[in-house]
Amino acid sequence: MNREARVIAFAGVLQGCRLVHELATSGRADAAAARTSIASIFRIDAADAGAVFDGIGGLRLGLETLIAHTDGSPRSLPVTRLTLGVLRLQRRLMRNQPMAARLRAGIERVQRQVDHFGIDHPAVQQRLAELYVETLSQLRPRVMVHGNPQHLGNAQTVAQIRTLLLAAVRAAVLWRQVGGSRLRLLVRRNEYAMLARGLLARSTLDHG
């Protein structure tokens, strides 16, 4: 169902951006949500949108953020700005096929580290962060992350932020692949919110 797939994919974008904002401002982020987002980077050829995130259980943060951003609640402007930046970055990536191919090859190489060390190993996140710098960070305009200078000066936090930006772009690519567009999001925001509530309820039941 493409409508549901678009909601899942966009929740993935928002989850990555919200985690980036939380890391930048507080130095902490939901570990389970971050793990789901990072793992999605490696599911390049998943059967469907849900499979990219290994089900919807790990997308609760993204679904909650989507509902808050589409049902008339006050929005988080920093998360909105990050989301718009990620969507722009995704469009530029898709116009640069050599870079897209280089990014995919890099992810496949990091997959071998994941197989050996596990996805939570610091070396895996460090290599994903380096891959972001080597590829997506070269596109203009860059995604600007604002926050607490203390946290943005921490090398480990910066590596996590870059890794999660990569995850957000991966979700944005998926969103486009299943027919997502900014116009459709604006026109059907109530539908997005309704479907997100249904997915969130299902997630709660599945993990209840």
Protein backbone atom coordinates (compact mmCIF):
# COMPACT_ATOMS: atom_id res chain seq x y z
CA MET A 1 0.00 0.00 0.00
CA ASN A 2 1.84 3.08 -1.24
CA ARG A 3 0.06 5.56 1.02
CA GLU A 4 1.18 3.67 4.11
CA ALA A 5 4.67 3.21 2.65
CA ARG A 6 4.97 6.98 2.16
CA VAL A 7 4.02 7.60 5.79
CA ILE A 8 6.53 5.01 7.02
CA ALA A 9 9.30 6.48 4.87
CA PHE A 10 8.56 10.08 5.89
CA ALA A 11 8.45 9.04 9.54
CA GLY A 12 11.93 7.66 8.94
CA VAL A 13 13.06 11.06 7.65
CA LEU A 14 11.58 12.87 10.65
CA GLN A 15 12.99 10.36 13.12
CA GLY A 16 16.50 10.83 11.79
CA CYS A 17 16.14 14.63 11.91
CA ARG A 18 14.67 14.67 15.40
CA LEU A 19 17.50 12.45 16.69
CA VAL A 20 20.04 14.80 15.09
CA HIS A 21 18.40 17.79 16.80
CA GLU A 22 18.33 16.03 20.18
CA LEU A 23 22.00 15.09 19.92
CA ALA A 24 22.97 18.60 18.86
CA THR A 25 21.07 20.29 21.68
CA SER A 26 21.32 17.82 24.58
CA GLY A 27 24.04 15.35 23.58
CA ARG A 28 21.58 12.48 24.05
CA ALA A 29 19.04 10.70 21.87
CA ASP A 30 16.73 7.69 22.04
CA ALA A 31 19.12 4.74 21.62
CA ALA A 32 16.53 2.29 20.25
CA ALA A 33 15.24 4.80 17.68
CA ALA A 34 18.79 5.65 16.65
CA ARG A 35 19.62 1.96 16.19
CA THR A 36 16.55 1.50 13.96
CA SER A 37 17.49 4.50 11.84
CA ILE A 38 21.13 3.47 11.47
CA ALA A 39 20.22 -0.14 10.62
CA SER A 40 17.92 1.13 7.85
CA ILE A 41 20.96 2.48 5.98
CA PHE A 42 22.01 -1.07 5.15
CA ARG A 43 18.61 -2.37 3.98
CA ILE A 44 19.06 -1.03 0.47
CA ASP A 45 17.08 -3.75 -1.30
CA ALA A 46 14.38 -4.41 1.30
CA ALA A 47 11.08 -5.84 0.08
CA ASP A 48 8.97 -2.90 1.28
CA ALA A 49 9.08 0.28 3.35
CA GLY A 50 8.32 -1.49 6.60
CA ALA A 51 11.15 -3.95 6.03
CA VAL A 52 13.64 -1.07 5.68
CA PHE A 53 12.99 -0.30 9.36
CA ASP A 54 12.49 -3.96 10.39
CA GLY A 55 8.84 -3.28 11.11
CA ILE A 56 7.27 -0.15 12.57
CA GLY A 57 8.13 -0.73 16.23
CA GLY A 58 11.36 1.23 15.96
CA LEU A 59 9.65 4.16 14.23
CA ARG A 60 7.53 5.35 17.16
CA LEU A 61 9.56 8.54 17.55
CA GLY A 62 9.24 9.33 13.85
CA LEU A 63 5.50 8.60 13.77
CA GLU A 64 4.91 10.77 16.85
CA THR A 65 6.90 13.57 15.24
CA LEU A 66 4.97 13.22 11.98
CA ILE A 67 1.64 13.46 13.81
CA ALA A 68 2.80 16.58 15.67
CA HIS A 69 3.94 18.16 12.39
CA THR A 70 0.75 17.43 10.44
CA ASP A 71 -2.17 17.76 12.85
CA GLY A 72 -1.86 21.47 13.60
CA SER A 73 0.24 21.10 16.76
CA PRO A 74 3.11 23.56 17.26
CA ARG A 75 6.03 22.37 15.15
CA SER A 76 9.64 22.09 16.13
CA LEU A 77 11.18 24.63 13.75
CA PRO A 78 14.72 23.16 14.04
CA VAL A 79 13.41 19.71 13.08
CA THR A 80 11.41 21.23 10.22
CA ARG A 81 14.51 23.04 8.93
CA LEU A 82 16.57 19.85 9.16
CA THR A 83 13.87 17.92 7.32
CA LEU A 84 13.73 20.46 4.48
CA GLY A 85 17.54 20.36 4.27
CA VAL A 86 17.54 16.56 4.08
CA LEU A 87 14.90 16.56 1.33
CA ARG A 88 16.97 19.07 -0.69
CA LEU A 89 20.06 16.95 -0.17
CA GLN A 90 18.23 13.86 -1.37
CA ARG A 91 17.16 15.62 -4.57
CA ARG A 92 20.73 16.71 -5.28
CA LEU A 93 22.02 13.21 -4.60
CA MET A 94 19.58 11.71 -7.10
CA ARG A 95 20.83 14.14 -9.75
CA ASN A 96 24.41 13.03 -9.10
CA GLN A 97 24.44 9.37 -10.05
CA PRO A 98 28.25 8.92 -9.70
CA MET A 99 27.98 10.09 -6.10
CA ALA A 100 24.94 7.91 -5.47
CA ALA A 101 26.88 4.90 -6.77
CA ARG A 102 29.88 5.84 -4.61
CA LEU A 103 27.65 6.16 -1.57
CA ARG A 104 26.04 2.76 -2.16
CA ALA A 105 29.44 1.10 -2.63
CA GLY A 106 30.63 2.72 0.60
CA ILE A 107 27.61 1.42 2.50
CA GLU A 108 28.24 -2.07 1.16
CA ARG A 109 31.83 -1.88 2.41
CA VAL A 110 30.69 -0.78 5.87
CA GLN A 111 28.27 -3.71 5.88
CA ARG A 112 31.29 -6.00 6.17
CA GLN A 113 32.26 -4.16 9.36
CA VAL A 114 28.72 -4.57 10.66
CA ASP A 115 28.89 -8.30 9.97
CA HIS A 116 32.13 -8.50 11.94
CA PHE A 117 31.63 -6.02 14.81
CA GLY A 118 27.87 -5.44 15.00
CA ILE A 119 25.95 -2.28 14.17
CA ASP A 120 26.53 -0.65 17.57
CA HIS A 121 30.31 -0.70 17.32
CA PRO A 122 31.89 2.79 17.37
CA ALA A 123 34.01 1.90 14.32
CA VAL A 124 30.84 1.35 12.28
CA GLN A 125 29.38 4.75 13.16
CA GLN A 126 32.74 6.41 12.58
CA ARG A 127 33.01 4.94 9.10
CA LEU A 128 29.41 5.92 8.25
CA ALA A 129 30.15 9.45 9.45
CA GLU A 130 33.26 9.55 7.25
CA LEU A 131 31.20 8.30 4.32
CA TYR A 132 28.74 11.16 4.88
CA VAL A 133 31.61 13.67 4.81
CA GLU A 134 33.09 12.11 1.65
CA THR A 135 29.79 12.17 -0.24
CA LEU A 136 26.68 14.02 0.95
CA SER A 137 28.63 16.74 2.76
CA GLN A 138 30.15 17.71 -0.60
CA LEU A 139 26.75 18.70 -2.01
CA ARG A 140 25.49 22.26 -1.66
CA PRO A 141 23.80 23.68 0.22
CA ARG A 142 24.88 21.59 3.19
CA VAL A 143 22.45 20.59 5.91
CA MET A 144 23.14 23.00 8.77
CA VAL A 145 22.89 21.58 12.29
CA HIS A 146 22.53 24.07 15.13
CA GLY A 147 22.80 23.25 18.80
CA ASN A 148 24.91 23.45 21.92
CA PRO A 149 28.56 24.17 21.00
CA GLN A 150 29.67 21.82 23.77
CA HIS A 151 27.93 18.88 22.10
CA LEU A 152 28.78 19.97 18.56
CA GLY A 153 32.43 20.04 19.64
CA ASN A 154 32.32 16.43 20.78
CA ALA A 155 33.77 14.15 18.08
CA GLN A 156 31.64 11.15 19.01
CA THR A 157 28.44 13.21 19.00
CA VAL A 158 29.33 14.73 15.62
CA ALA A 159 29.92 11.22 14.22
CA GLN A 160 26.47 10.16 15.47
CA ILE A 161 24.88 13.27 13.95
CA ARG A 162 26.46 12.62 10.55
CA THR A 163 25.44 8.96 10.69
CA LEU A 164 21.84 9.89 11.48
CA LEU A 165 21.79 12.49 8.70
CA LEU A 166 22.84 9.70 6.36
CA ALA A 167 19.97 7.60 7.72
CA ALA A 168 17.53 10.50 7.18
CA VAL A 169 18.66 10.88 3.57
CA ARG A 170 18.26 7.13 3.07
CA ALA A 171 14.66 7.44 4.31
CA ALA A 172 14.13 10.44 1.99
CA VAL A 173 15.31 8.35 -0.96
CA LEU A 174 12.79 5.68 0.04
CA TRP A 175 10.06 8.31 0.36
CA ARG A 176 10.67 9.45 -3.22
CA GLN A 177 10.78 5.86 -4.44
CA VAL A 178 7.29 5.16 -3.08
CA GLY A 179 5.85 8.35 -4.59
CA GLY A 180 6.41 10.90 -1.84
CA SER A 181 6.51 14.59 -2.75
CA ARG A 182 6.31 17.87 -0.86
CA LEU A 183 3.15 18.85 -2.76
CA ARG A 184 1.42 15.57 -1.88
CA LEU A 185 2.50 16.02 1.74
CA LEU A 186 1.01 19.52 1.87
CA VAL A 187 -2.24 18.49 0.19
CA ARG A 188 -2.67 15.27 2.16
CA ARG A 189 -1.25 16.21 5.54
CA ASN A 190 -4.45 15.12 7.33
CA GLU A 191 -4.27 11.75 5.61
CA TYR A 192 -0.62 11.40 6.66
CA ALA A 193 -1.58 12.17 10.26
CA MET A 194 -4.46 9.66 10.22
CA LEU A 195 -2.31 6.88 8.77
CA ALA A 196 0.50 7.68 11.20
CA ARG A 197 -1.92 7.35 14.14
CA GLY A 198 -3.03 3.97 12.84
CA LEU A 199 0.57 2.79 12.47
CA LEU A 200 1.44 4.08 15.93
CA ALA A 201 -1.54 2.24 17.43
CA ARG A 202 -0.52 -0.93 15.61
CA SER A 203 3.03 -0.54 16.88
CA THR A 204 1.73 -0.23 20.44
CA LEU A 205 -0.40 -3.35 20.09
CA ASP A 206 2.46 -5.32 18.55
CA HIS A 207 4.72 -4.41 21.47
CA GLY A 208 2.04 -4.31 24.13
